Amino acid sequence: MARTTDHPLSSKGRQQAEALSRRLVQAGKQADAAVEQLLHPEAVYVSPLSRAIQTAVIALGPTVTKQTGLGEMVLMANAREKQNFGGLDTRSTKIGVDVLQNSLNELRALYDGEDGEVLQTFSNLRFDAHDVEDRWWFDGMAESPSEMKDRMQEFMSQLLYSPHRTMVVVGHSHFFRAVFRAFLSEDFCAENQDLATAICSKKLMNCGVARVELDPKRGITGGPIIGAELVLETRLDADGAGLMACCA
């Protein structure tokens, strides 16, 4: 029986996260300027949903620990997936360190003794779980448009006014699409009509990556996303979940 709350990565999801990890390694060898921020982030924010944490550890963990020593990932409640009607897989029953313990248990089950390197990567990472000490998921049937608007504005404020210049957000395709719809600048949309239309109507493929440039001077209401591009062989699909690499 499929889970109705906070489902973990499937075996296919694991393969997709591992493929992204390999693409990151290859991009580092080729000194790909388009993904430099992703290879050297000052902060990594991760949705607290188990599948996002697992993706972050598998795909980004080796890069983060290699580049910054004992790396840190920050759980960000506002980066969780959009709560649609009946979409219970955006809820959890875990708070605080139990979120991390649950993700570690799911990783063990996912690899079933196959890959101790992933578990070692998890151990080498530091996690900031302050944002999930209390119930962090939406407890109703579906988030209303106004509730989504408020959460997206909080999310964007966290990025715009962060002390970090380069950040990675590991999150979910429905939420990222809503963010693009809400915060793409008019200038970007006018100059990149095809991409702007596609990124607001389709979704990042699973483990897809979008590089985004933010302008804090524009504030929340001024279209702060002034640049966006798909990197690391990313395409837009009818379904998916991905990463957002931001520079401000």
C-alpha atoms as a PDB file:
ATOM      1  CA  MET A   1       0.000   0.000   0.000  1.00  0.00           C
ATOM      2  CA  ALA A   2       1.340   3.435  -0.914  1.00  0.00           C
ATOM      3  CA  ARG A   3       1.918   5.889   1.906  1.00  0.00           C
ATOM      4  CA  THR A   4      -0.366   8.864   2.211  1.00  0.00           C
ATOM      5  CA  THR A   5       2.026  11.051   4.196  1.00  0.00           C
ATOM      6  CA  ASP A   6       5.588  12.124   3.446  1.00  0.00           C
ATOM      7  CA  HIS A   7       6.584   9.273   1.163  1.00  0.00           C
ATOM      8  CA  PRO A   8      10.328   8.595   0.747  1.00  0.00           C
ATOM      9  CA  LEU A   9      12.283   8.340  -2.491  1.00  0.00           C
ATOM     10  CA  SER A  10      11.494   5.375  -4.706  1.00  0.00           C
ATOM     11  CA  SER A  11      14.248   3.304  -6.271  1.00  0.00           C
ATOM     12  CA  LYS A  12      13.765   5.365  -9.439  1.00  0.00           C
ATOM     13  CA  GLY A  13      14.082   8.566  -7.431  1.00  0.00           C
ATOM     14  CA  ARG A  14      17.313   7.250  -5.936  1.00  0.00           C
ATOM     15  CA  GLN A  15      18.693   6.607  -9.424  1.00  0.00           C
ATOM     16  CA  GLN A  16      17.719  10.117 -10.514  1.00  0.00           C
ATOM     17  CA  ALA A  17      19.430  11.670  -7.475  1.00  0.00           C
ATOM     18  CA  GLU A  18      22.554   9.601  -8.100  1.00  0.00           C
ATOM     19  CA  ALA A  19      22.549  10.712 -11.746  1.00  0.00           C
ATOM     20  CA  LEU A  20      22.397  14.361 -10.642  1.00  0.00           C
ATOM     21  CA  SER A  21      25.321  13.758  -8.305  1.00  0.00           C
ATOM     22  CA  ARG A  22      27.350  12.409 -11.242  1.00  0.00           C
ATOM     23  CA  ARG A  23      26.395  15.410 -13.393  1.00  0.00           C
ATOM     24  CA  LEU A  24      27.587  17.725 -10.636  1.00  0.00           C
ATOM     25  CA  VAL A  25      30.931  15.932 -10.453  1.00  0.00           C
ATOM     26  CA  GLN A  26      31.307  16.188 -14.222  1.00  0.00           C
ATOM     27  CA  ALA A  27      30.384  19.890 -14.211  1.00  0.00           C
ATOM     28  CA  GLY A  28      33.058  20.482 -11.582  1.00  0.00           C
ATOM     29  CA  LYS A  29      35.674  18.791 -13.746  1.00  0.00           C
ATOM     30  CA  GLN A  30      34.662  20.911 -16.719  1.00  0.00           C
ATOM     31  CA  ALA A  31      34.610  24.153 -14.673  1.00  0.00           C
ATOM     32  CA  ASP A  32      31.089  24.881 -15.897  1.00  0.00           C
ATOM     33  CA  ALA A  33      30.460  28.532 -15.019  1.00  0.00           C
ATOM     34  CA  ALA A  34      26.693  28.081 -15.252  1.00  0.00           C
ATOM     35  CA  VAL A  35      26.672  25.806 -12.197  1.00  0.00           C
ATOM     36  CA  GLU A  36      29.500  27.358 -10.177  1.00  0.00           C
ATOM     37  CA  GLN A  37      27.102  28.498  -7.445  1.00  0.00           C
ATOM     38  CA  LEU A  38      25.660  25.006  -7.179  1.00  0.00           C
ATOM     39  CA  LEU A  39      29.128  23.578  -6.667  1.00  0.00           C
ATOM     40  CA  HIS A  40      30.101  26.190  -4.060  1.00  0.00           C
ATOM     41  CA  PRO A  41      26.914  27.243  -2.242  1.00  0.00           C
ATOM     42  CA  GLU A  42      27.094  29.387   0.856  1.00  0.00           C
ATOM     43  CA  ALA A  43      23.839  27.847   2.081  1.00  0.00           C
ATOM     44  CA  VAL A  44      21.754  24.784   1.218  1.00  0.00           C
ATOM     45  CA  TYR A  45      18.075  24.959   2.157  1.00  0.00           C
ATOM     46  CA  VAL A  46      16.047  21.750   2.047  1.00  0.00           C
ATOM     47  CA  SER A  47      12.345  21.009   2.269  1.00  0.00           C
ATOM     48  CA  PRO A  48      11.700  18.937   5.410  1.00  0.00           C
ATOM     49  CA  LEU A  49       9.804  16.291   3.441  1.00  0.00           C
ATOM     50  CA  SER A  50      11.725  13.032   3.501  1.00  0.00           C
ATOM     51  CA  ARG A  51      12.119  12.687  -0.261  1.00  0.00           C
ATOM     52  CA  ALA A  52      13.706  16.141  -0.469  1.00  0.00           C
ATOM     53  CA  ILE A  53      16.164  15.435   2.357  1.00  0.00           C
ATOM     54  CA  GLN A  54      17.119  12.124   0.761  1.00  0.00           C
ATOM     55  CA  THR A  55      17.605  13.820  -2.607  1.00  0.00           C
ATOM     56  CA  ALA A  56      19.774  16.513  -1.017  1.00  0.00           C
ATOM     57  CA  VAL A  57      21.992  13.972   0.745  1.00  0.00           C
ATOM     58  CA  ILE A  58      22.420  11.740  -2.304  1.00  0.00           C
ATOM     59  CA  ALA A  59      22.792  14.441  -4.950  1.00  0.00           C
ATOM     60  CA  LEU A  60      24.424  17.333  -3.085  1.00  0.00           C
ATOM     61  CA  GLY A  61      25.883  15.765   0.034  1.00  0.00           C
ATOM     62  CA  PRO A  62      29.211  14.669  -1.478  1.00  0.00           C
ATOM     63  CA  THR A  63      29.726  18.090  -3.104  1.00  0.00           C
ATOM     64  CA  VAL A  64      28.813  20.027   0.047  1.00  0.00           C
ATOM     65  CA  THR A  65      31.046  17.984   2.340  1.00  0.00           C
ATOM     66  CA  LYS A  66      33.931  18.027  -0.141  1.00  0.00           C
ATOM     67  CA  GLN A  67      33.854  21.768  -0.798  1.00  0.00           C
ATOM     68  CA  THR A  68      33.160  23.052   2.682  1.00  0.00           C
ATOM     69  CA  GLY A  69      34.390  20.272   4.939  1.00  0.00           C
ATOM     70  CA  LEU A  70      31.687  19.501   7.481  1.00  0.00           C
ATOM     71  CA  GLY A  71      28.825  20.936   5.407  1.00  0.00           C
ATOM     72  CA  GLU A  72      25.455  22.101   6.630  1.00  0.00           C
ATOM     73  CA  MET A  73      21.947  21.779   5.272  1.00  0.00           C
ATOM     74  CA  VAL A  74      19.149  23.947   6.669  1.00  0.00           C
ATOM     75  CA  LEU A  75      15.626  22.538   6.792  1.00  0.00           C
ATOM     76  CA  MET A  76      13.239  25.179   5.445  1.00  0.00           C
ATOM     77  CA  ALA A  77       9.563  24.630   6.159  1.00  0.00           C
ATOM     78  CA  ASN A  78       8.497  27.184   3.545  1.00  0.00           C
ATOM     79  CA  ALA A  79      10.148  25.081   0.800  1.00  0.00           C
ATOM     80  CA  ARG A  80       7.754  22.163   1.301  1.00  0.00           C
ATOM     81  CA  GLU A  81       5.506  21.078  -1.552  1.00  0.00           C
ATOM     82  CA  LYS A  82       2.210  22.778  -2.286  1.00  0.00           C
ATOM     83  CA  GLN A  83      -0.711  21.195  -0.411  1.00  0.00           C
ATOM     84  CA  ASN A  84      -3.317  20.370  -3.044  1.00  0.00           C
ATOM     85  CA  PHE A  85      -6.723  18.922  -2.259  1.00  0.00           C
ATOM     86  CA  GLY A  86      -6.211  15.333  -1.107  1.00  0.00           C
ATOM     87  CA  GLY A  87      -2.433  15.549  -1.506  1.00  0.00           C
ATOM     88  CA  LEU A  88      -1.483  14.011   1.833  1.00  0.00           C
ATOM     89  CA  ASP A  89       2.094  13.254   0.742  1.00  0.00           C
ATOM     90  CA  THR A  90       2.915  16.873   1.592  1.00  0.00           C
ATOM     91  CA  ARG A  91       2.247  16.236   5.278  1.00  0.00           C
ATOM     92  CA  SER A  92       4.398  14.633   7.940  1.00  0.00           C
ATOM     93  CA  THR A  93       4.093  13.318  11.465  1.00  0.00           C
ATOM     94  CA  LYS A  94       7.668  14.200  12.487  1.00  0.00           C
ATOM     95  CA  ILE A  95       9.123  17.340  14.023  1.00  0.00           C
ATOM     96  CA  GLY A  96      12.599  18.405  15.116  1.00  0.00           C
ATOM     97  CA  VAL A  97      15.357  15.806  15.047  1.00  0.00           C
ATOM     98  CA  ASP A  98      12.763  13.101  14.343  1.00  0.00           C
ATOM     99  CA  VAL A  99      12.518  14.532  10.808  1.00  0.00           C
ATOM    100  CA  LEU A 100      16.202  13.743  10.310  1.00  0.00           C
ATOM    101  CA  GLN A 101      16.052  10.351  12.016  1.00  0.00           C
ATOM    102  CA  ASN A 102      13.138   9.361   9.802  1.00  0.00           C
ATOM    103  CA  SER A 103      15.061  10.422   6.679  1.00  0.00           C
ATOM    104  CA  LEU A 104      18.110   8.456   7.811  1.00  0.00           C
ATOM    105  CA  ASN A 105      15.977   5.372   8.433  1.00  0.00           C
ATOM    106  CA  GLU A 106      14.456   5.746   4.971  1.00  0.00           C
ATOM    107  CA  LEU A 107      17.927   6.039   3.433  1.00  0.00           C
ATOM    108  CA  ARG A 108      18.988   2.834   5.150  1.00  0.00           C
ATOM    109  CA  ALA A 109      15.909   1.090   3.788  1.00  0.00           C
ATOM    110  CA  LEU A 110      16.438   2.568   0.322  1.00  0.00           C
ATOM    111  CA  TYR A 111      19.985   1.252   0.070  1.00  0.00           C
ATOM    112  CA  ASP A 112      19.430  -1.857   2.187  1.00  0.00           C
ATOM    113  CA  GLY A 113      23.125  -2.280   2.960  1.00  0.00           C
ATOM    114  CA  GLU A 114      24.252  -1.529  -0.594  1.00  0.00           C
ATOM    115  CA  ASP A 115      26.011   1.801  -0.178  1.00  0.00           C
ATOM    116  CA  GLY A 116      27.641   2.801   3.078  1.00  0.00           C
ATOM    117  CA  GLU A 117      29.038   5.917   1.381  1.00  0.00           C
ATOM    118  CA  VAL A 118      25.625   7.604   1.318  1.00  0.00           C
ATOM    119  CA  LEU A 119      25.072   6.889   5.006  1.00  0.00           C
ATOM    120  CA  GLN A 120      28.560   8.198   5.759  1.00  0.00           C
ATOM    121  CA  THR A 121      27.733  11.368   3.830  1.00  0.00           C
ATOM    122  CA  PHE A 122      24.628  11.812   5.980  1.00  0.00           C
ATOM    123  CA  SER A 123      26.798  11.429   9.100  1.00  0.00           C
ATOM    124  CA  ASN A 124      29.311  13.975   7.806  1.00  0.00           C
ATOM    125  CA  LEU A 125      26.646  16.612   7.209  1.00  0.00           C
ATOM    126  CA  ARG A 126      25.323  19.009   9.822  1.00  0.00           C
ATOM    127  CA  PHE A 127      21.613  19.780   9.767  1.00  0.00           C
ATOM    128  CA  ASP A 128      19.851  22.836  11.137  1.00  0.00           C
ATOM    129  CA  ALA A 129      16.369  21.704  12.180  1.00  0.00           C
ATOM    130  CA  HIS A 130      15.278  24.819  14.079  1.00  0.00           C
ATOM    131  CA  ASP A 131      12.606  25.632  11.497  1.00  0.00           C
ATOM    132  CA  VAL A 132      10.807  22.315  12.073  1.00  0.00           C
ATOM    133  CA  GLU A 133      10.714  22.196  15.868  1.00  0.00           C
ATOM    134  CA  ASP A 134       6.930  22.631  15.754  1.00  0.00           C
ATOM    135  CA  ARG A 135       4.346  21.367  13.262  1.00  0.00           C
ATOM    136  CA  TRP A 136       5.587  22.693   9.931  1.00  0.00           C
ATOM    137  CA  TRP A 137       3.144  21.141   7.455  1.00  0.00           C
ATOM    138  CA  PHE A 138      -0.273  22.403   6.431  1.00  0.00           C
ATOM    139  CA  ASP A 139      -2.937  20.539   8.371  1.00  0.00           C
ATOM    140  CA  GLY A 140      -5.994  21.301   6.247  1.00  0.00           C
ATOM    141  CA  MET A 141      -7.249  19.687   3.060  1.00  0.00           C
ATOM    142  CA  ALA A 142      -5.596  22.202   0.722  1.00  0.00           C
ATOM    143  CA  GLU A 143      -3.732  25.507   0.963  1.00  0.00           C
ATOM    144  CA  SER A 144      -5.863  28.385  -0.231  1.00  0.00           C
ATOM    145  CA  PRO A 145      -4.472  30.871  -2.768  1.00  0.00           C
ATOM    146  CA  SER A 146      -3.957  33.437  -0.003  1.00  0.00           C
ATOM    147  CA  GLU A 147      -2.177  30.901   2.211  1.00  0.00           C
ATOM    148  CA  MET A 148       0.102  29.912  -0.658  1.00  0.00           C
ATOM    149  CA  LYS A 149       0.778  33.579  -1.430  1.00  0.00           C
ATOM    150  CA  ASP A 150       1.784  34.246   2.166  1.00  0.00           C
ATOM    151  CA  ARG A 151       4.092  31.225   2.283  1.00  0.00           C
ATOM    152  CA  MET A 152       5.712  32.045  -1.039  1.00  0.00           C
ATOM    153  CA  GLN A 153       6.354  35.605   0.098  1.00  0.00           C
ATOM    154  CA  GLU A 154       7.966  34.335   3.299  1.00  0.00           C
ATOM    155  CA  PHE A 155      10.048  31.913   1.230  1.00  0.00           C
ATOM    156  CA  MET A 156      11.210  34.624  -1.153  1.00  0.00           C
ATOM    157  CA  SER A 157      11.969  36.984   1.740  1.00  0.00           C
ATOM    158  CA  GLN A 158      14.187  34.323   3.299  1.00  0.00           C
ATOM    159  CA  LEU A 159      16.204  34.187   0.086  1.00  0.00           C
ATOM    160  CA  LEU A 160      16.243  37.887  -0.778  1.00  0.00           C
ATOM    161  CA  TYR A 161      17.343  39.025   2.660  1.00  0.00           C
ATOM    162  CA  SER A 162      19.641  36.142   3.481  1.00  0.00           C
ATOM    163  CA  PRO A 163      23.237  37.074   4.370  1.00  0.00           C
ATOM    164  CA  HIS A 164      24.351  34.531   1.763  1.00  0.00           C
ATOM    165  CA  ARG A 165      24.963  35.429  -1.871  1.00  0.00           C
ATOM    166  CA  THR A 166      24.748  31.912  -3.318  1.00  0.00           C
ATOM    167  CA  MET A 167      22.135  29.442  -2.148  1.00  0.00           C
ATOM    168  CA  VAL A 168      20.659  26.123  -3.201  1.00  0.00           C
ATOM    169  CA  VAL A 169      17.074  25.160  -2.435  1.00  0.00           C
ATOM    170  CA  VAL A 170      16.078  21.498  -2.680  1.00  0.00           C
ATOM    171  CA  GLY A 171      12.338  21.389  -3.020  1.00  0.00           C
ATOM    172  CA  HIS A 172       9.381  20.406  -5.172  1.00  0.00           C
ATOM    173  CA  SER A 173       8.141  21.064  -8.660  1.00  0.00           C
ATOM    174  CA  HIS A 174       4.629  22.357  -7.950  1.00  0.00           C
ATOM    175  CA  PHE A 175       5.954  24.835  -5.406  1.00  0.00           C
ATOM    176  CA  PHE A 176       8.803  26.021  -7.650  1.00  0.00           C
ATOM    177  CA  ARG A 177       6.400  26.535 -10.532  1.00  0.00           C
ATOM    178  CA  ALA A 178       4.213  28.676  -8.286  1.00  0.00           C
ATOM    179  CA  VAL A 179       7.280  30.672  -7.238  1.00  0.00           C
ATOM    180  CA  PHE A 180       8.195  31.372 -10.861  1.00  0.00           C
ATOM    181  CA  ARG A 181       4.656  32.451 -11.623  1.00  0.00           C
ATOM    182  CA  ALA A 182       4.642  34.846  -8.689  1.00  0.00           C
ATOM    183  CA  PHE A 183       8.121  36.365  -8.840  1.00  0.00           C
ATOM    184  CA  LEU A 184       9.500  36.390 -12.391  1.00  0.00           C
ATOM    185  CA  SER A 185      10.274  39.964 -13.405  1.00  0.00           C
ATOM    186  CA  GLU A 186       8.397  41.572 -16.279  1.00  0.00           C
ATOM    187  CA  ASP A 187      11.708  42.308 -17.993  1.00  0.00           C
ATOM    188  CA  PHE A 188      12.731  38.654 -17.926  1.00  0.00           C
ATOM    189  CA  CYS A 189       9.346  37.544 -19.241  1.00  0.00           C
ATOM    190  CA  ALA A 190       9.515  40.059 -22.089  1.00  0.00           C
ATOM    191  CA  GLU A 191      13.048  39.095 -23.104  1.00  0.00           C
ATOM    192  CA  ASN A 192      12.644  35.326 -22.630  1.00  0.00           C
ATOM    193  CA  GLN A 193       9.047  34.662 -23.566  1.00  0.00           C
ATOM    194  CA  ASP A 194       9.403  30.975 -24.448  1.00  0.00           C
ATOM    195  CA  LEU A 195      11.300  30.013 -21.291  1.00  0.00           C
ATOM    196  CA  ALA A 196       9.113  32.192 -19.076  1.00  0.00           C
ATOM    197  CA  THR A 197       5.955  30.596 -20.465  1.00  0.00           C
ATOM    198  CA  ALA A 198       7.351  27.084 -20.153  1.00  0.00           C
ATOM    199  CA  ILE A 199       8.748  27.438 -16.641  1.00  0.00           C
ATOM    200  CA  CYS A 200       5.435  28.857 -15.413  1.00  0.00           C
ATOM    201  CA  SER A 201       3.279  26.177 -17.053  1.00  0.00           C
ATOM    202  CA  LYS A 202       5.398  23.024 -16.896  1.00  0.00           C
ATOM    203  CA  LYS A 203       7.470  21.574 -14.069  1.00  0.00           C
ATOM    204  CA  LEU A 204      11.111  20.810 -13.499  1.00  0.00           C
ATOM    205  CA  MET A 205      11.887  17.181 -14.202  1.00  0.00           C
ATOM    206  CA  ASN A 206      12.760  15.017 -11.219  1.00  0.00           C
ATOM    207  CA  CYS A 207      16.150  16.186  -9.926  1.00  0.00           C
ATOM    208  CA  GLY A 208      16.131  19.019 -12.424  1.00  0.00           C
ATOM    209  CA  VAL A 209      18.031  22.217 -11.648  1.00  0.00           C
ATOM    210  CA  ALA A 210      17.175  25.837 -12.402  1.00  0.00           C
ATOM    211  CA  ARG A 211      19.760  28.567 -11.858  1.00  0.00           C
ATOM    212  CA  VAL A 212      18.019  31.722 -10.673  1.00  0.00           C
ATOM    213  CA  GLU A 213      19.279  35.280 -10.213  1.00  0.00           C
ATOM    214  CA  LEU A 214      17.569  37.454  -7.603  1.00  0.00           C
ATOM    215  CA  ASP A 215      17.582  41.210  -7.148  1.00  0.00           C
ATOM    216  CA  PRO A 216      16.870  42.124  -3.487  1.00  0.00           C
ATOM    217  CA  LYS A 217      16.377  45.780  -4.421  1.00  0.00           C
ATOM    218  CA  ARG A 218      13.151  44.866  -6.211  1.00  0.00           C
ATOM    219  CA  GLY A 219      11.604  43.508  -3.026  1.00  0.00           C
ATOM    220  CA  ILE A 220       8.800  40.967  -2.887  1.00  0.00           C
ATOM    221  CA  THR A 221       6.389  42.772  -5.199  1.00  0.00           C
ATOM    222  CA  GLY A 222       8.814  44.022  -7.858  1.00  0.00           C
ATOM    223  CA  GLY A 223       9.566  40.788  -9.693  1.00  0.00           C
ATOM    224  CA  PRO A 224      12.782  39.818  -7.866  1.00  0.00           C
ATOM    225  CA  ILE A 225      13.646  36.891 -10.168  1.00  0.00           C
ATOM    226  CA  ILE A 226      15.572  38.693 -12.890  1.00  0.00           C
ATOM    227  CA  GLY A 227      17.270  35.654 -14.408  1.00  0.00           C
ATOM    228  CA  ALA A 228      16.555  31.949 -14.819  1.00  0.00           C
ATOM    229  CA  GLU A 229      18.081  29.136 -16.834  1.00  0.00           C
ATOM    230  CA  LEU A 230      17.879  25.365 -16.883  1.00  0.00           C
ATOM    231  CA  VAL A 231      21.230  23.682 -16.220  1.00  0.00           C
ATOM    232  CA  LEU A 232      22.728  20.201 -15.906  1.00  0.00           C
ATOM    233  CA  GLU A 233      20.648  18.705 -18.722  1.00  0.00           C
ATOM    234  CA  THR A 234      17.405  19.780 -17.075  1.00  0.00           C
ATOM    235  CA  ARG A 235      14.168  19.745 -19.029  1.00  0.00           C
ATOM    236  CA  LEU A 236      10.631  20.749 -18.207  1.00  0.00           C
ATOM    237  CA  ASP A 237       8.134  17.914 -17.888  1.00  0.00           C
ATOM    238  CA  ALA A 238       4.554  17.290 -16.939  1.00  0.00           C
ATOM    239  CA  ASP A 239       5.801  16.066 -13.555  1.00  0.00           C
ATOM    240  CA  GLY A 240       8.916  16.396 -11.442  1.00  0.00           C
ATOM    241  CA  ALA A 241      10.763  17.745  -8.428  1.00  0.00           C
ATOM    242  CA  GLY A 242      13.952  19.711  -8.503  1.00  0.00           C
ATOM    243  CA  LEU A 243      16.502  22.137  -7.164  1.00  0.00           C
ATOM    244  CA  MET A 244      16.819  25.883  -7.384  1.00  0.00           C
ATOM    245  CA  ALA A 245      20.274  27.458  -7.306  1.00  0.00           C
ATOM    246  CA  CYS A 246      20.022  31.142  -6.398  1.00  0.00           C
ATOM    247  CA  CYS A 247      22.456  34.001  -6.480  1.00  0.00           C
ATOM    248  CA  ALA A 248      21.622  37.439  -5.114  1.00  0.00           C
END
